[in-house]
């Protein structure tokens, strides 16, 4: 049989303590258990490791060689733990993240910048994708998703809220004669729709008003939808955190808030995720809260 690593560590303790009794005290075991472990180790190896007497014990030639190997194994084990603790503090390796395009520019990329400043030894791999992704096949550590999730195999936690509104350029609003007092009239304006919105396209305007719109333009790129909206081609549903900068620059105007959707993060780690994931989630929470 192959020798047990536990028996090897017991043998190491016996040699260094120079006594079965002292080794038993150190390991909080009975003297009988310590003696049995050494005997079992010798039987598994098929050779004597120790010369025993009532007053002392000494190593055989083979025991001396084996002791050196056992000590080396212990050192490797201790160094591995020390390196792990060091990595947990300094954060190294690679963090792989997937997130929808809408969150990348306003939240994910700034979070990566902060992470890089705090832990320059940690690499990052970002997979921007609005579609569901197999986290195992893509080797993803952390997935950010918008909306309610039904992922039984993943650990899911709420990260924040994504608020979405209808936006239009000042020029387009002026073409339509200004923002109407009755917002249901927005159904008659031209609308730029993201492909994921499907058909029919409905917008909830407050608790009692709803409009159904016919899209003038469909597009699967948020970046291009932003461009077309600022170019006065119509009204678009945009995340507030994406449109905020353009509103400040007076390129867009807020018309009405139409949705508040939860943002979740998820991972496949069985217990707590590793420190690199925990740290990135903390940064994300701070950035998300700054938009509320």
Protein backbone atom coordinates (compact mmCIF):
# COMPACT_ATOMS: atom_id res chain seq x y z
CA UNK A 1 0.00 0.00 0.00
CA UNK A 2 1.00 3.59 -0.54
CA UNK A 3 1.97 5.30 2.72
CA UNK A 4 -0.54 7.76 4.19
CA UNK A 5 0.43 11.43 4.20
CA UNK A 6 -0.98 11.66 7.72
CA UNK A 7 1.23 8.78 8.89
CA UNK A 8 4.22 10.48 7.26
CA UNK A 9 3.54 13.68 9.21
CA UNK A 10 3.21 11.68 12.42
CA UNK A 11 6.56 10.03 11.72
CA UNK A 12 8.04 13.50 11.16
CA UNK A 13 6.68 14.68 14.51
CA UNK A 14 8.10 11.64 16.30
CA UNK A 15 11.57 12.16 14.86
CA UNK A 16 11.62 15.88 15.69
CA UNK A 17 10.23 15.36 19.19
CA UNK A 18 12.57 12.34 19.69
CA UNK A 19 9.79 10.67 21.59
CA UNK A 20 6.48 8.94 20.95
CA UNK A 21 5.08 10.53 24.12
CA UNK A 22 6.15 14.07 23.19
CA UNK A 23 4.80 13.64 19.65
CA UNK A 24 1.50 12.40 21.05
CA UNK A 25 1.25 15.49 23.28
CA UNK A 26 2.04 17.81 20.37
CA UNK A 27 -0.49 16.20 18.03
CA UNK A 28 -3.10 15.68 20.77
CA UNK A 29 -3.18 11.93 20.11
CA UNK A 30 -2.68 8.92 22.31
CA UNK A 31 0.78 7.36 22.48
CA UNK A 32 -0.74 4.14 21.16
CA UNK A 33 -2.16 5.91 18.09
CA UNK A 34 1.22 7.47 17.34
CA UNK A 35 3.01 4.13 17.65
CA UNK A 36 0.45 2.41 15.43
CA UNK A 37 0.85 5.11 12.76
CA UNK A 38 4.63 4.65 12.60
CA UNK A 39 4.29 0.85 12.55
CA UNK A 40 1.69 1.11 9.77
CA UNK A 41 4.02 3.39 7.79
CA UNK A 42 6.89 0.92 8.08
CA UNK A 43 4.64 -1.92 6.96
CA UNK A 44 3.42 0.08 3.96
CA UNK A 45 7.01 0.92 2.98
CA UNK A 46 8.30 -2.57 3.75
CA UNK A 47 11.28 -1.30 5.74
CA UNK A 48 12.25 -0.23 9.26
CA UNK A 49 12.49 3.51 9.84
CA UNK A 50 13.23 3.71 13.56
CA UNK A 51 15.26 1.81 16.10
CA UNK A 52 13.21 1.77 19.30
CA UNK A 53 14.34 1.22 22.87
CA UNK A 54 12.75 1.92 26.25
CA UNK A 55 14.79 5.12 26.66
CA UNK A 56 15.45 6.42 23.15
CA UNK A 57 14.83 6.02 19.46
CA UNK A 58 17.02 6.62 16.44
CA UNK A 59 16.68 6.63 12.69
CA UNK A 60 17.80 3.83 10.44
CA UNK A 61 19.70 4.73 7.28
CA UNK A 62 16.47 4.39 5.31
CA UNK A 63 14.63 6.34 8.02
CA UNK A 64 17.11 9.21 7.68
CA UNK A 65 16.49 9.42 3.94
CA UNK A 66 12.75 9.14 4.37
CA UNK A 67 12.74 11.81 7.09
CA UNK A 68 14.34 14.26 4.61
CA UNK A 69 11.58 13.57 2.07
CA UNK A 70 8.85 14.00 4.71
CA UNK A 71 10.32 17.32 5.76
CA UNK A 72 10.43 18.47 2.14
CA UNK A 73 6.75 17.56 1.68
CA UNK A 74 5.86 19.54 4.80
CA UNK A 75 7.81 22.55 3.54
CA UNK A 76 6.06 22.41 0.16
CA UNK A 77 2.69 22.26 1.95
CA UNK A 78 3.50 25.22 4.20
CA UNK A 79 4.86 27.26 1.29
CA UNK A 80 1.73 26.55 -0.74
CA UNK A 81 -0.44 27.88 2.09
CA UNK A 82 1.80 30.93 2.50
CA UNK A 83 1.60 31.65 -1.25
CA UNK A 84 -2.18 31.30 -1.17
CA UNK A 85 -2.49 33.76 1.71
CA UNK A 86 -0.17 36.15 -0.11
CA UNK A 87 -2.21 35.85 -3.29
CA UNK A 88 -5.39 36.54 -1.34
CA UNK A 89 -3.87 39.82 -0.11
CA UNK A 90 -2.17 40.91 -3.31
CA UNK A 91 -4.65 39.25 -5.69
CA UNK A 92 -2.95 37.67 -8.67
CA UNK A 93 -3.94 35.38 -11.50
CA UNK A 94 -6.88 36.25 -13.76
CA UNK A 95 -10.47 37.31 -13.03
CA UNK A 96 -12.89 36.44 -15.85
CA UNK A 97 -16.10 38.48 -15.97
CA UNK A 98 -19.09 38.52 -18.30
CA UNK A 99 -21.55 41.42 -18.37
CA UNK A 100 -24.12 42.99 -20.72
CA UNK A 101 -22.94 45.79 -22.98
CA UNK A 102 -25.17 48.35 -21.24
CA UNK A 103 -23.20 48.00 -17.99
CA UNK A 104 -19.70 47.78 -19.42
CA UNK A 105 -18.92 51.44 -20.07
CA UNK A 106 -20.61 53.05 -17.03
CA UNK A 107 -19.87 50.37 -14.40
CA UNK A 108 -17.76 47.36 -15.37
CA UNK A 109 -14.85 49.17 -17.04
CA UNK A 110 -14.52 51.78 -14.23
CA UNK A 111 -14.60 48.89 -11.73
CA UNK A 112 -11.82 47.13 -13.64
CA UNK A 113 -9.79 50.34 -13.53
CA UNK A 114 -10.14 50.54 -9.74
CA UNK A 115 -9.28 46.86 -9.41
CA UNK A 116 -6.16 47.33 -11.55
CA UNK A 117 -5.04 50.30 -9.46
CA UNK A 118 -5.46 48.37 -6.19
CA UNK A 119 -4.14 45.00 -7.41
CA UNK A 120 -1.80 45.45 -10.39
CA UNK A 121 -0.77 41.77 -10.31
CA UNK A 122 -4.34 40.63 -11.09
CA UNK A 123 -5.27 40.19 -14.75
CA UNK A 124 -8.83 40.64 -16.05
CA UNK A 125 -10.71 39.00 -18.93
CA UNK A 126 -13.99 40.73 -19.85
CA UNK A 127 -16.60 39.01 -22.01
CA UNK A 128 -19.22 41.61 -23.00
CA UNK A 129 -22.34 39.73 -24.05
CA UNK A 130 -26.09 40.27 -23.62
CA UNK A 131 -26.92 36.60 -24.23
CA UNK A 132 -26.81 33.84 -21.59
CA UNK A 133 -23.42 32.16 -21.35
CA UNK A 134 -22.23 28.77 -20.14
CA UNK A 135 -20.06 29.80 -17.19
CA UNK A 136 -18.22 26.49 -17.06
CA UNK A 137 -17.34 26.29 -20.77
CA UNK A 138 -16.24 29.95 -20.82
CA UNK A 139 -14.37 29.59 -17.49
CA UNK A 140 -16.21 32.60 -16.06
CA UNK A 141 -15.58 33.58 -12.43
CA UNK A 142 -18.32 36.21 -12.20
CA UNK A 143 -21.38 36.92 -14.35
CA UNK A 144 -23.36 40.17 -14.18
CA UNK A 145 -26.90 39.93 -15.47
CA UNK A 146 -29.93 42.23 -15.67
CA UNK A 147 -33.41 40.94 -14.78
CA UNK A 148 -34.75 38.06 -12.74
CA UNK A 149 -32.66 34.92 -13.07
CA UNK A 150 -33.51 31.26 -12.74
CA UNK A 151 -30.11 29.63 -12.45
CA UNK A 152 -30.41 26.70 -10.06
CA UNK A 153 -26.78 25.67 -10.49
CA UNK A 154 -25.39 29.15 -9.80
CA UNK A 155 -25.14 31.27 -6.66
CA UNK A 156 -27.14 34.43 -7.41
CA UNK A 157 -27.14 37.67 -5.40
CA UNK A 158 -28.63 41.08 -6.05
CA UNK A 159 -26.15 43.79 -6.96
CA UNK A 160 -28.37 46.81 -7.51
CA UNK A 161 -31.11 48.35 -9.66
CA UNK A 162 -30.95 49.40 -13.31
CA UNK A 163 -33.41 52.18 -14.12
CA UNK A 164 -34.41 52.73 -17.74
CA UNK A 165 -36.15 55.69 -19.35
CA UNK A 166 -37.19 57.07 -22.71
CA UNK A 167 -34.74 59.64 -24.10
CA UNK A 168 -34.60 61.90 -27.13
CA UNK A 169 -32.36 64.67 -28.39
CA UNK A 170 -33.29 68.30 -27.89
CA UNK A 171 -33.48 68.70 -31.67
CA UNK A 172 -35.93 65.82 -32.09
CA UNK A 173 -38.10 67.09 -29.21
CA UNK A 174 -38.27 70.52 -30.86
CA UNK A 175 -39.28 68.88 -34.17
CA UNK A 176 -42.23 67.28 -32.36
CA UNK A 177 -43.28 70.57 -30.78
CA UNK A 178 -41.89 69.87 -27.31
CA UNK A 179 -42.58 67.22 -24.70
CA UNK A 180 -46.36 66.60 -24.66
CA UNK A 181 -48.39 67.12 -21.48
CA UNK A 182 -50.03 63.76 -22.17
CA UNK A 183 -47.12 61.34 -22.42
CA UNK A 184 -49.24 58.72 -24.18
CA UNK A 185 -48.77 60.89 -27.28
CA UNK A 186 -45.22 59.54 -27.39
CA UNK A 187 -46.69 56.53 -29.19
CA UNK A 188 -46.83 58.70 -32.30
CA UNK A 189 -43.12 59.62 -32.21
CA UNK A 190 -40.46 57.61 -34.06
CA UNK A 191 -38.91 54.92 -31.87
CA UNK A 192 -35.50 53.27 -32.00
CA UNK A 193 -35.75 49.77 -30.55
CA UNK A 194 -33.16 47.29 -29.34
CA UNK A 195 -33.68 43.83 -30.82
CA UNK A 196 -33.97 42.22 -27.37
CA UNK A 197 -37.20 44.18 -26.74
CA UNK A 198 -39.07 41.83 -29.09
CA UNK A 199 -42.60 42.37 -30.41
CA UNK A 200 -44.94 44.02 -29.50
CA UNK A 201 -43.08 46.89 -27.85
CA UNK A 202 -44.86 48.29 -24.79
CA UNK A 203 -43.86 51.02 -22.36
CA UNK A 204 -45.37 51.53 -18.92
CA UNK A 205 -45.77 55.26 -18.24
CA UNK A 206 -46.53 55.41 -14.55
CA UNK A 207 -48.92 53.07 -12.75
CA UNK A 208 -51.92 53.42 -15.08
CA UNK A 209 -50.65 54.51 -18.49
CA UNK A 210 -49.23 52.17 -21.09
CA UNK A 211 -48.38 52.74 -24.72
CA UNK A 212 -47.67 50.35 -27.57
CA UNK A 213 -45.24 51.63 -30.19
CA UNK A 214 -44.24 50.63 -33.71
CA UNK A 215 -40.45 50.85 -34.10
CA UNK A 216 -39.00 52.99 -36.84
CA UNK A 217 -35.53 51.50 -36.40
CA UNK A 218 -34.37 48.24 -34.86
CA UNK A 219 -30.79 47.68 -33.79
CA UNK A 220 -28.84 45.13 -31.72
CA UNK A 221 -26.10 47.55 -30.63
CA UNK A 222 -26.59 49.91 -27.68
CA UNK A 223 -23.71 52.05 -28.91
CA UNK A 224 -25.40 52.60 -32.27
CA UNK A 225 -28.78 53.24 -30.64
CA UNK A 226 -27.14 56.01 -28.60
CA UNK A 227 -25.66 57.47 -31.77
CA UNK A 228 -28.97 57.45 -33.62
CA UNK A 229 -30.82 58.97 -30.67
CA UNK A 230 -28.36 61.86 -30.38
CA UNK A 231 -28.66 62.33 -34.17
CA UNK A 232 -32.40 63.04 -33.70
CA UNK A 233 -33.67 59.89 -35.40
CA UNK A 234 -36.21 59.14 -32.67
CA UNK A 235 -36.92 58.10 -29.09
CA UNK A 236 -35.02 55.25 -27.42
CA UNK A 237 -35.24 53.21 -24.24
CA UNK A 238 -31.89 53.64 -22.51
CA UNK A 239 -30.41 52.77 -19.11
CA UNK A 240 -30.13 55.92 -17.00
CA UNK A 241 -26.51 55.14 -16.14
CA UNK A 242 -25.68 55.09 -19.86
CA UNK A 243 -27.60 58.26 -20.76
CA UNK A 244 -26.53 60.30 -17.72
CA UNK A 245 -23.37 61.70 -19.29
CA UNK A 246 -25.18 62.67 -22.52
CA UNK A 247 -27.90 64.40 -20.50
CA UNK A 248 -25.26 66.47 -18.69
CA UNK A 249 -23.76 67.38 -22.06
CA UNK A 250 -27.26 68.37 -23.28
CA UNK A 251 -27.10 65.80 -26.09
CA UNK A 252 -30.15 63.96 -24.72
CA UNK A 253 -33.19 64.82 -22.64
CA UNK A 254 -35.00 62.56 -20.20
CA UNK A 255 -38.66 62.03 -21.10
CA UNK A 256 -40.06 59.47 -18.64
CA UNK A 257 -38.84 56.58 -16.47
CA UNK A 258 -40.38 53.31 -17.67
CA UNK A 259 -38.64 50.47 -15.79
CA UNK A 260 -36.57 49.50 -12.76
CA UNK A 261 -34.87 46.15 -13.22
CA UNK A 262 -32.71 44.25 -10.71
CA UNK A 263 -29.05 43.63 -11.51
CA UNK A 264 -27.59 40.37 -10.20
CA UNK A 265 -24.19 38.76 -10.03
CA UNK A 266 -23.72 35.01 -10.06
CA UNK A 267 -20.95 32.44 -9.81
CA UNK A 268 -20.52 28.69 -9.62
CA UNK A 269 -18.29 28.43 -6.54
CA UNK A 270 -19.72 25.98 -4.00
CA UNK A 271 -19.17 28.24 -1.00
CA UNK A 272 -17.76 31.75 -0.75
CA UNK A 273 -16.13 32.93 -3.98
CA UNK A 274 -12.37 33.63 -3.95
CA UNK A 275 -11.10 37.02 -2.73
CA UNK A 276 -10.63 38.39 -6.26
CA UNK A 277 -14.37 37.91 -6.92
CA UNK A 278 -15.41 39.28 -3.52
CA UNK A 279 -13.26 42.37 -3.97
CA UNK A 280 -14.61 43.11 -7.45
CA UNK A 281 -18.21 42.73 -6.24
CA UNK A 282 -17.53 45.32 -3.49
CA UNK A 283 -16.28 47.79 -6.11
CA UNK A 284 -19.34 47.12 -8.28
CA UNK A 285 -21.72 47.72 -5.36
CA UNK A 286 -20.15 51.11 -4.66
CA UNK A 287 -20.38 52.16 -8.30
CA UNK A 288 -23.96 50.93 -8.71
CA UNK A 289 -25.08 52.76 -5.55
CA UNK A 290 -23.64 56.04 -6.86
CA UNK A 291 -26.28 56.02 -9.62
CA UNK A 292 -29.27 55.71 -7.24
